[in-house]
Amino acid sequence: MGHFGFSYVGFVFMLMLIVPNLIWTKCQPIEYDFKNENKVLLVFERFGQVGVTGTALMLSDFNIHGWSAWSFWLIAAFVLMILYECWWIRYFKSSRTWKDFYSSFYGIPVAGATLPVASFFFLGLYGRVIWLIASVIIFGIGHIGIHLQHRREMQS
C-alpha cells in the first residue's frame, strides 16, 4: 500500500530522470516536432508522470531497509537507470537527430522511453507499492507510445 515519508531513493531516481531531460531542452533533435502527438497518449503520459513523481518521492517504502530477496529489484532498477544515463550520454555526443533520439540501446527499443519506465516499474516491485506500479504502467503507455509514434513518423 505504501507508507508516507520522504524517499531518498525515489529522489535519486527522479534526479537521474530529470537532469538529462532538462539538458535535453537545450539539445533537442534538429527536426523535433511534438505538435502531432496523440492526445490520448499525452493524457496517459501526463497523469502517469504526476503519479510516478508523487509516489516515488512521498512513500518511504523505496528507501533501503537492509538486504532481502526483494533487493534484487532495487539493483535491477538502478542498473536500468544507469543504462538510461549511458543512453543520454550517447545521445548528447551524437549529432542529435530523430534517429539518435529514438534509437535502441543494447537491443532495448526506444531506450529513452523504455529504460526509465522499466526502472520505475522495478522500483515499484522493490517497494511493493501498487500505486507506483499502476502509475508507471499508465506513464509507460503514454510515454513509450508517443516515442513509438515519433519513430514510425521518422521511418515514413
N, C-alpha and C. Protein backbone atom coordinates (compact mmCIF):
# COMPACT_ATOMS: atom_id res chain seq x y z
N MET A 1 0.81 -1.19 0.00
CA MET A 1 0.00 0.00 0.00
C MET A 1 0.86 1.26 0.00
N GLY A 2 1.85 1.31 0.86
CA GLY A 2 2.75 2.46 0.91
C GLY A 2 2.69 3.18 2.23
N HIS A 3 3.86 3.63 2.67
CA HIS A 3 3.99 4.37 3.92
C HIS A 3 4.46 5.77 3.61
N PHE A 4 3.69 6.77 4.07
CA PHE A 4 4.06 8.15 3.79
C PHE A 4 5.39 8.48 4.46
N GLY A 5 6.20 9.20 3.73
CA GLY A 5 7.51 9.63 4.21
C GLY A 5 8.41 9.86 3.00
N PHE A 6 9.38 10.72 3.17
CA PHE A 6 10.29 11.05 2.06
C PHE A 6 11.11 9.84 1.66
N SER A 7 11.26 9.64 0.35
CA SER A 7 12.09 8.56 -0.16
C SER A 7 13.34 9.15 -0.80
N TYR A 8 14.48 8.95 -0.15
CA TYR A 8 15.73 9.41 -0.73
C TYR A 8 16.09 8.60 -1.96
N VAL A 9 15.70 7.34 -2.01
CA VAL A 9 15.94 6.53 -3.21
C VAL A 9 15.09 7.07 -4.36
N GLY A 10 13.83 7.36 -4.09
CA GLY A 10 12.97 7.95 -5.12
C GLY A 10 13.52 9.28 -5.60
N PHE A 11 14.07 10.06 -4.67
CA PHE A 11 14.66 11.36 -5.03
C PHE A 11 15.85 11.18 -5.97
N VAL A 12 16.72 10.23 -5.68
CA VAL A 12 17.88 9.96 -6.55
C VAL A 12 17.40 9.51 -7.93
N PHE A 13 16.42 8.63 -7.97
CA PHE A 13 15.88 8.17 -9.25
C PHE A 13 15.27 9.35 -10.03
N MET A 14 14.55 10.22 -9.34
CA MET A 14 13.95 11.37 -10.02
C MET A 14 15.03 12.30 -10.55
N LEU A 15 16.09 12.51 -9.79
CA LEU A 15 17.20 13.33 -10.30
C LEU A 15 17.82 12.72 -11.55
N MET A 16 18.01 11.40 -11.51
CA MET A 16 18.58 10.71 -12.67
C MET A 16 17.66 10.82 -13.88
N LEU A 17 16.39 10.97 -13.65
CA LEU A 17 15.42 11.12 -14.73
C LEU A 17 15.35 12.56 -15.22
N ILE A 18 15.31 13.50 -14.30
CA ILE A 18 15.02 14.90 -14.65
C ILE A 18 16.24 15.64 -15.19
N VAL A 19 17.41 15.45 -14.62
CA VAL A 19 18.58 16.23 -15.04
C VAL A 19 18.87 16.10 -16.53
N PRO A 20 18.96 14.87 -17.09
CA PRO A 20 19.21 14.81 -18.53
C PRO A 20 18.08 15.41 -19.37
N ASN A 21 16.85 15.30 -18.87
CA ASN A 21 15.73 15.89 -19.60
C ASN A 21 15.81 17.41 -19.61
N LEU A 22 16.30 18.00 -18.54
CA LEU A 22 16.49 19.45 -18.51
C LEU A 22 17.58 19.86 -19.50
N ILE A 23 18.65 19.11 -19.56
CA ILE A 23 19.72 19.38 -20.52
C ILE A 23 19.17 19.22 -21.94
N TRP A 24 18.32 18.21 -22.14
CA TRP A 24 17.73 17.94 -23.46
C TRP A 24 16.94 19.13 -23.99
N THR A 25 16.32 19.91 -23.10
CA THR A 25 15.53 21.04 -23.57
C THR A 25 16.38 22.01 -24.39
N LYS A 26 17.70 22.01 -24.17
CA LYS A 26 18.62 22.84 -24.94
C LYS A 26 19.27 22.07 -26.09
N CYS A 27 19.07 20.76 -26.14
CA CYS A 27 19.73 19.91 -27.13
C CYS A 27 18.75 18.97 -27.81
N GLN A 28 17.59 19.48 -28.18
CA GLN A 28 16.56 18.64 -28.80
C GLN A 28 16.99 18.25 -30.21
N PRO A 29 16.43 17.14 -30.71
CA PRO A 29 16.72 16.76 -32.09
C PRO A 29 16.40 17.90 -33.05
N ILE A 30 17.19 18.03 -34.06
CA ILE A 30 17.06 19.14 -35.00
C ILE A 30 15.65 19.22 -35.58
N GLU A 31 15.08 18.08 -35.96
CA GLU A 31 13.77 18.06 -36.61
C GLU A 31 12.63 17.83 -35.61
N TYR A 32 12.87 18.00 -34.33
CA TYR A 32 11.87 17.62 -33.34
C TYR A 32 10.58 18.42 -33.50
N ASP A 33 9.45 17.69 -33.56
CA ASP A 33 8.14 18.30 -33.70
C ASP A 33 7.15 17.49 -32.87
N PHE A 34 6.60 18.12 -31.86
CA PHE A 34 5.69 17.41 -30.95
C PHE A 34 4.24 17.81 -31.17
N LYS A 35 3.95 18.56 -32.20
CA LYS A 35 2.59 19.09 -32.40
C LYS A 35 1.57 18.01 -32.76
N ASN A 36 2.00 16.91 -33.36
CA ASN A 36 1.07 15.88 -33.80
C ASN A 36 1.00 14.68 -32.84
N GLU A 37 1.40 14.87 -31.59
CA GLU A 37 1.36 13.74 -30.66
C GLU A 37 -0.08 13.35 -30.37
N ASN A 38 -0.28 12.06 -30.24
CA ASN A 38 -1.59 11.51 -29.93
C ASN A 38 -2.06 12.06 -28.59
N LYS A 39 -3.20 12.71 -28.57
CA LYS A 39 -3.70 13.39 -27.35
C LYS A 39 -4.03 12.39 -26.23
N VAL A 40 -4.53 11.22 -26.60
CA VAL A 40 -4.84 10.20 -25.59
C VAL A 40 -3.55 9.73 -24.92
N LEU A 41 -2.53 9.45 -25.74
CA LEU A 41 -1.24 9.03 -25.18
C LEU A 41 -0.64 10.13 -24.31
N LEU A 42 -0.82 11.37 -24.73
CA LEU A 42 -0.31 12.51 -23.96
C LEU A 42 -0.98 12.61 -22.59
N VAL A 43 -2.28 12.35 -22.53
CA VAL A 43 -3.00 12.36 -21.25
C VAL A 43 -2.47 11.24 -20.35
N PHE A 44 -2.29 10.04 -20.92
CA PHE A 44 -1.72 8.93 -20.14
C PHE A 44 -0.34 9.32 -19.61
N GLU A 45 0.48 9.91 -20.48
CA GLU A 45 1.83 10.28 -20.07
C GLU A 45 1.81 11.29 -18.92
N ARG A 46 1.01 12.31 -19.04
CA ARG A 46 0.97 13.37 -18.00
C ARG A 46 0.43 12.84 -16.67
N PHE A 47 -0.66 12.09 -16.71
CA PHE A 47 -1.19 11.53 -15.47
C PHE A 47 -0.18 10.58 -14.84
N GLY A 48 0.46 9.77 -15.66
CA GLY A 48 1.48 8.86 -15.16
C GLY A 48 2.65 9.58 -14.56
N GLN A 49 3.09 10.69 -15.17
CA GLN A 49 4.21 11.47 -14.63
C GLN A 49 3.90 11.98 -13.23
N VAL A 50 2.70 12.50 -13.07
CA VAL A 50 2.30 13.01 -11.75
C VAL A 50 2.29 11.89 -10.73
N GLY A 51 1.71 10.76 -11.10
CA GLY A 51 1.65 9.62 -10.18
C GLY A 51 3.01 9.07 -9.83
N VAL A 52 3.87 8.91 -10.83
CA VAL A 52 5.21 8.38 -10.58
C VAL A 52 6.00 9.33 -9.69
N THR A 53 5.99 10.61 -10.02
CA THR A 53 6.75 11.59 -9.24
C THR A 53 6.28 11.64 -7.80
N GLY A 54 4.99 11.78 -7.61
CA GLY A 54 4.46 11.87 -6.25
C GLY A 54 4.71 10.61 -5.44
N THR A 55 4.45 9.47 -6.05
CA THR A 55 4.62 8.20 -5.33
C THR A 55 6.08 7.93 -5.00
N ALA A 56 6.96 8.17 -5.97
CA ALA A 56 8.38 7.88 -5.76
C ALA A 56 8.98 8.75 -4.66
N LEU A 57 8.48 9.97 -4.53
CA LEU A 57 9.05 10.89 -3.54
C LEU A 57 8.37 10.82 -2.18
N MET A 58 7.08 10.50 -2.14
CA MET A 58 6.32 10.62 -0.89
C MET A 58 6.10 9.33 -0.13
N LEU A 59 6.63 8.22 -0.64
CA LEU A 59 6.48 6.96 0.08
C LEU A 59 7.86 6.41 0.45
N SER A 60 8.05 6.15 1.71
CA SER A 60 9.37 5.71 2.20
C SER A 60 9.66 4.25 1.90
N ASP A 61 8.74 3.54 1.32
CA ASP A 61 8.93 2.11 1.02
C ASP A 61 10.09 1.84 0.07
N PHE A 62 10.53 2.87 -0.66
CA PHE A 62 11.60 2.69 -1.64
C PHE A 62 12.99 2.87 -1.03
N ASN A 63 13.05 3.35 0.21
CA ASN A 63 14.34 3.50 0.88
C ASN A 63 14.92 2.13 1.22
N ILE A 64 16.22 2.09 1.38
CA ILE A 64 16.91 0.82 1.64
C ILE A 64 16.63 0.39 3.07
N HIS A 65 16.16 -0.86 3.22
CA HIS A 65 15.78 -1.39 4.53
C HIS A 65 16.57 -2.65 4.87
N GLY A 66 17.77 -2.74 4.39
CA GLY A 66 18.54 -3.96 4.61
C GLY A 66 18.39 -4.91 3.44
N TRP A 67 19.15 -5.98 3.46
CA TRP A 67 19.19 -6.92 2.35
C TRP A 67 18.09 -7.96 2.46
N SER A 68 17.43 -8.22 1.33
CA SER A 68 16.46 -9.31 1.22
C SER A 68 16.40 -9.71 -0.24
N ALA A 69 15.63 -10.73 -0.54
CA ALA A 69 15.47 -11.14 -1.93
C ALA A 69 14.86 -10.01 -2.77
N TRP A 70 14.07 -9.15 -2.14
CA TRP A 70 13.45 -8.02 -2.84
C TRP A 70 14.50 -7.00 -3.29
N SER A 71 15.67 -7.02 -2.67
CA SER A 71 16.73 -6.07 -3.02
C SER A 71 17.18 -6.22 -4.47
N PHE A 72 17.00 -7.41 -5.04
CA PHE A 72 17.38 -7.60 -6.44
C PHE A 72 16.56 -6.69 -7.36
N TRP A 73 15.31 -6.40 -6.99
CA TRP A 73 14.50 -5.48 -7.79
C TRP A 73 15.10 -4.08 -7.76
N LEU A 74 15.59 -3.66 -6.60
CA LEU A 74 16.23 -2.35 -6.50
C LEU A 74 17.51 -2.32 -7.32
N ILE A 75 18.29 -3.37 -7.27
CA ILE A 75 19.52 -3.44 -8.07
C ILE A 75 19.17 -3.37 -9.56
N ALA A 76 18.17 -4.12 -9.98
CA ALA A 76 17.75 -4.11 -11.38
C ALA A 76 17.28 -2.71 -11.78
N ALA A 77 16.50 -2.06 -10.92
CA ALA A 77 16.02 -0.71 -11.20
C ALA A 77 17.18 0.26 -11.36
N PHE A 78 18.16 0.15 -10.47
CA PHE A 78 19.31 1.05 -10.53
C PHE A 78 20.15 0.79 -11.78
N VAL A 79 20.35 -0.47 -12.13
CA VAL A 79 21.10 -0.80 -13.35
C VAL A 79 20.41 -0.20 -14.57
N LEU A 80 19.09 -0.29 -14.63
CA LEU A 80 18.37 0.29 -15.76
C LEU A 80 18.51 1.81 -15.80
N MET A 81 18.53 2.45 -14.62
CA MET A 81 18.73 3.90 -14.60
C MET A 81 20.14 4.27 -15.03
N ILE A 82 21.12 3.45 -14.69
CA ILE A 82 22.49 3.69 -15.16
C ILE A 82 22.54 3.56 -16.68
N LEU A 83 21.87 2.54 -17.22
CA LEU A 83 21.80 2.39 -18.68
C LEU A 83 21.11 3.60 -19.32
N TYR A 84 20.10 4.11 -18.65
CA TYR A 84 19.40 5.30 -19.13
C TYR A 84 20.36 6.48 -19.20
N GLU A 85 21.17 6.66 -18.18
CA GLU A 85 22.16 7.74 -18.18
C GLU A 85 23.17 7.54 -19.31
N CYS A 86 23.58 6.30 -19.53
CA CYS A 86 24.51 5.99 -20.62
C CYS A 86 23.88 6.28 -21.97
N TRP A 87 22.59 5.98 -22.11
CA TRP A 87 21.88 6.28 -23.35
C TRP A 87 21.90 7.79 -23.59
N TRP A 88 21.65 8.58 -22.55
CA TRP A 88 21.68 10.03 -22.68
C TRP A 88 23.06 10.52 -23.10
N ILE A 89 24.09 9.98 -22.49
CA ILE A 89 25.46 10.38 -22.85
C ILE A 89 25.70 10.12 -24.33
N ARG A 90 25.28 8.94 -24.80
CA ARG A 90 25.42 8.63 -26.22
C ARG A 90 24.64 9.63 -27.08
N TYR A 91 23.43 9.96 -26.65
CA TYR A 91 22.62 10.93 -27.41
C TYR A 91 23.31 12.29 -27.45
N PHE A 92 23.77 12.79 -26.31
CA PHE A 92 24.39 14.11 -26.27
C PHE A 92 25.69 14.18 -27.08
N LYS A 93 26.36 13.06 -27.22
CA LYS A 93 27.59 13.01 -28.02
C LYS A 93 27.29 12.85 -29.51
N SER A 94 26.06 12.50 -29.86
CA SER A 94 25.68 12.25 -31.25
C SER A 94 25.40 13.58 -31.96
N SER A 95 24.95 13.47 -33.20
CA SER A 95 24.56 14.67 -33.95
C SER A 95 23.14 15.13 -33.58
N ARG A 96 22.51 14.42 -32.64
CA ARG A 96 21.21 14.78 -32.07
C ARG A 96 20.11 14.91 -33.13
N THR A 97 19.93 13.83 -33.87
CA THR A 97 18.85 13.75 -34.84
C THR A 97 17.71 12.92 -34.25
N TRP A 98 16.60 12.85 -34.98
CA TRP A 98 15.49 11.99 -34.55
C TRP A 98 15.97 10.57 -34.39
N LYS A 99 16.75 10.12 -35.36
CA LYS A 99 17.25 8.74 -35.32
C LYS A 99 18.03 8.49 -34.03
N ASP A 100 18.84 9.44 -33.62
CA ASP A 100 19.60 9.30 -32.38
C ASP A 100 18.67 9.27 -31.16
N PHE A 101 17.66 10.13 -31.19
CA PHE A 101 16.78 10.25 -30.03
C PHE A 101 15.86 9.05 -29.84
N TYR A 102 15.42 8.45 -30.93
CA TYR A 102 14.51 7.31 -30.83
C TYR A 102 15.23 5.99 -31.06
N SER A 103 16.50 5.97 -30.78
CA SER A 103 17.32 4.79 -31.04
C SER A 103 17.16 3.72 -29.97
N SER A 104 17.60 2.53 -30.35
CA SER A 104 17.69 1.42 -29.40
C SER A 104 19.03 1.52 -28.67
N PHE A 105 19.12 0.82 -27.56
CA PHE A 105 20.35 0.81 -26.78
C PHE A 105 20.50 -0.59 -26.21
N TYR A 106 21.55 -1.29 -26.61
CA TYR A 106 21.76 -2.68 -26.20
C TYR A 106 20.52 -3.53 -26.46
N GLY A 107 19.90 -3.31 -27.61
CA GLY A 107 18.74 -4.10 -28.01
C GLY A 107 17.42 -3.66 -27.39
N ILE A 108 17.43 -2.62 -26.58
CA ILE A 108 16.21 -2.12 -25.94
C ILE A 108 15.61 -1.05 -26.87
N PRO A 109 14.42 -1.31 -27.43
CA PRO A 109 13.84 -0.34 -28.38
C PRO A 109 13.44 0.95 -27.68
N VAL A 110 13.46 2.04 -28.44
CA VAL A 110 13.19 3.40 -27.92
C VAL A 110 13.65 3.51 -26.46
N ALA A 111 14.93 3.33 -26.28
CA ALA A 111 15.52 3.20 -24.94
C ALA A 111 15.30 4.44 -24.06
N GLY A 112 15.22 5.61 -24.67
CA GLY A 112 15.00 6.82 -23.89
C GLY A 112 13.66 6.83 -23.18
N ALA A 113 12.72 6.05 -23.67
CA ALA A 113 11.42 5.92 -23.01
C ALA A 113 11.31 4.62 -22.23
N THR A 114 11.83 3.56 -22.78
CA THR A 114 11.66 2.23 -22.19
C THR A 114 12.47 2.04 -20.91
N LEU A 115 13.71 2.51 -20.88
CA LEU A 115 14.56 2.29 -19.71
C LEU A 115 14.01 2.92 -18.42
N PRO A 116 13.60 4.20 -18.43
CA PRO A 116 13.09 4.75 -17.18
C PRO A 116 11.77 4.12 -16.74
N VAL A 117 10.93 3.76 -17.72
CA VAL A 117 9.66 3.12 -17.37
C VAL A 117 9.93 1.78 -16.69
N ALA A 118 10.80 0.97 -17.27
CA ALA A 118 11.13 -0.33 -16.68
C ALA A 118 11.80 -0.15 -15.32
N SER A 119 12.66 0.85 -15.22
CA SER A 119 13.35 1.10 -13.95
C SER A 119 12.38 1.43 -12.83
N PHE A 120 11.46 2.33 -13.09
CA PHE A 120 10.49 2.70 -12.05
C PHE A 120 9.51 1.56 -11.77
N PHE A 121 9.23 0.74 -12.76
CA PHE A 121 8.40 -0.44 -12.52
C PHE A 121 9.11 -1.37 -11.52
N PHE A 122 10.39 -1.62 -11.73
CA PHE A 122 11.15 -2.46 -10.81
C PHE A 122 11.26 -1.82 -9.43
N LEU A 123 11.37 -0.48 -9.39
CA LEU A 123 11.39 0.21 -8.09
C LEU A 123 10.06 -0.02 -7.36
N GLY A 124 8.96 0.00 -8.11
CA GLY A 124 7.66 -0.29 -7.51
C GLY A 124 7.58 -1.70 -6.97
N LEU A 125 8.18 -2.66 -7.70
CA LEU A 125 8.22 -4.03 -7.20
C LEU A 125 9.06 -4.12 -5.93
N TYR A 126 10.20 -3.44 -5.93
CA TYR A 126 11.07 -3.45 -4.74
C TYR A 126 10.32 -2.92 -3.52
N GLY A 127 9.63 -1.79 -3.70
CA GLY A 127 8.91 -1.19 -2.58
C GLY A 127 7.58 -1.86 -2.29
N ARG A 128 7.15 -2.74 -3.21
CA ARG A 128 5.86 -3.41 -3.10
C ARG A 128 4.72 -2.40 -2.97
N VAL A 129 4.80 -1.40 -3.85
CA VAL A 129 3.82 -0.31 -3.83
C VAL A 129 3.03 -0.33 -5.14
N ILE A 130 1.79 -0.76 -5.03
CA ILE A 130 0.93 -0.88 -6.20
C ILE A 130 0.70 0.47 -6.86
N TRP A 131 0.71 1.55 -6.08
CA TRP A 131 0.46 2.88 -6.63
C TRP A 131 1.55 3.29 -7.61
N LEU A 132 2.80 2.96 -7.30
CA LEU A 132 3.87 3.27 -8.25
C LEU A 132 3.77 2.37 -9.48
N ILE A 133 3.51 1.11 -9.26
CA ILE A 133 3.39 0.17 -10.37
C ILE A 133 2.27 0.62 -11.32
N ALA A 134 1.12 0.98 -10.78
CA ALA A 134 0.00 1.44 -11.61
C ALA A 134 0.34 2.74 -12.33
N SER A 135 0.97 3.67 -11.62
CA SER A 135 1.36 4.94 -12.23
C SER A 135 2.36 4.73 -13.36
N VAL A 136 3.30 3.82 -13.16
CA VAL A 136 4.30 3.53 -14.18
C VAL A 136 3.65 2.91 -15.41
N ILE A 137 2.70 2.04 -15.21
CA ILE A 137 2.01 1.43 -16.35
C ILE A 137 1.27 2.51 -17.16
N ILE A 138 0.58 3.40 -16.46
CA ILE A 138 -0.12 4.50 -17.14
C ILE A 138 0.88 5.39 -17.87
N PHE A 139 1.96 5.75 -17.17
CA PHE A 139 3.00 6.58 -17.78
C PHE A 139 3.63 5.87 -18.98
N GLY A 140 3.92 4.60 -18.84
CA GLY A 140 4.56 3.83 -19.91
C GLY A 140 3.71 3.75 -21.16
N ILE A 141 2.40 3.57 -20.98
CA ILE A 141 1.50 3.53 -22.14
C ILE A 141 1.64 4.83 -22.94
N GLY A 142 1.62 5.95 -22.24
CA GLY A 142 1.73 7.23 -22.92
C GLY A 142 3.12 7.52 -23.44
N HIS A 143 4.12 7.38 -22.58
CA HIS A 143 5.48 7.78 -22.92
C HIS A 143 6.08 6.89 -24.02
N ILE A 144 6.00 5.60 -23.83
CA ILE A 144 6.54 4.69 -24.85
C ILE A 144 5.70 4.79 -26.11
N GLY A 145 4.39 4.92 -25.95
CA GLY A 145 3.52 5.06 -27.11
C GLY A 145 3.86 6.28 -27.96
N ILE A 146 4.11 7.40 -27.31
CA ILE A 146 4.48 8.62 -28.04
C ILE A 146 5.82 8.44 -28.74
N HIS A 147 6.77 7.82 -28.06
CA HIS A 147 8.09 7.59 -28.67
C HIS A 147 7.96 6.67 -29.89
N LEU A 148 7.14 5.63 -29.77
CA LEU A 148 6.93 4.74 -30.91
C LEU A 148 6.25 5.46 -32.07
N GLN A 149 5.30 6.34 -31.75
CA GLN A 149 4.63 7.13 -32.77
C GLN A 149 5.64 7.99 -33.51
N HIS A 150 6.52 8.67 -32.78
CA HIS A 150 7.53 9.51 -33.42
C HIS A 150 8.51 8.67 -34.26
N ARG A 151 8.87 7.52 -33.75
CA ARG A 151 9.79 6.67 -34.50
C ARG A 151 9.16 6.22 -35.82
N ARG A 152 7.86 5.86 -35.77
CA ARG A 152 7.16 5.49 -37.00
C ARG A 152 7.12 6.65 -37.99
N GLU A 153 6.85 7.86 -37.49
CA GLU A 153 6.83 9.04 -38.36
C GLU A 153 8.20 9.27 -38.98
N MET A 154 9.23 9.04 -38.22
CA MET A 154 10.59 9.24 -38.70
C MET A 154 10.92 8.26 -39.82
N GLN A 155 10.41 7.03 -39.72
CA GLN A 155 10.72 6.00 -40.68
C GLN A 155 9.91 6.12 -41.96
N SER A 156 8.83 6.90 -41.92
CA SER A 156 8.00 7.02 -43.13
C SER A 156 8.39 8.20 -44.00
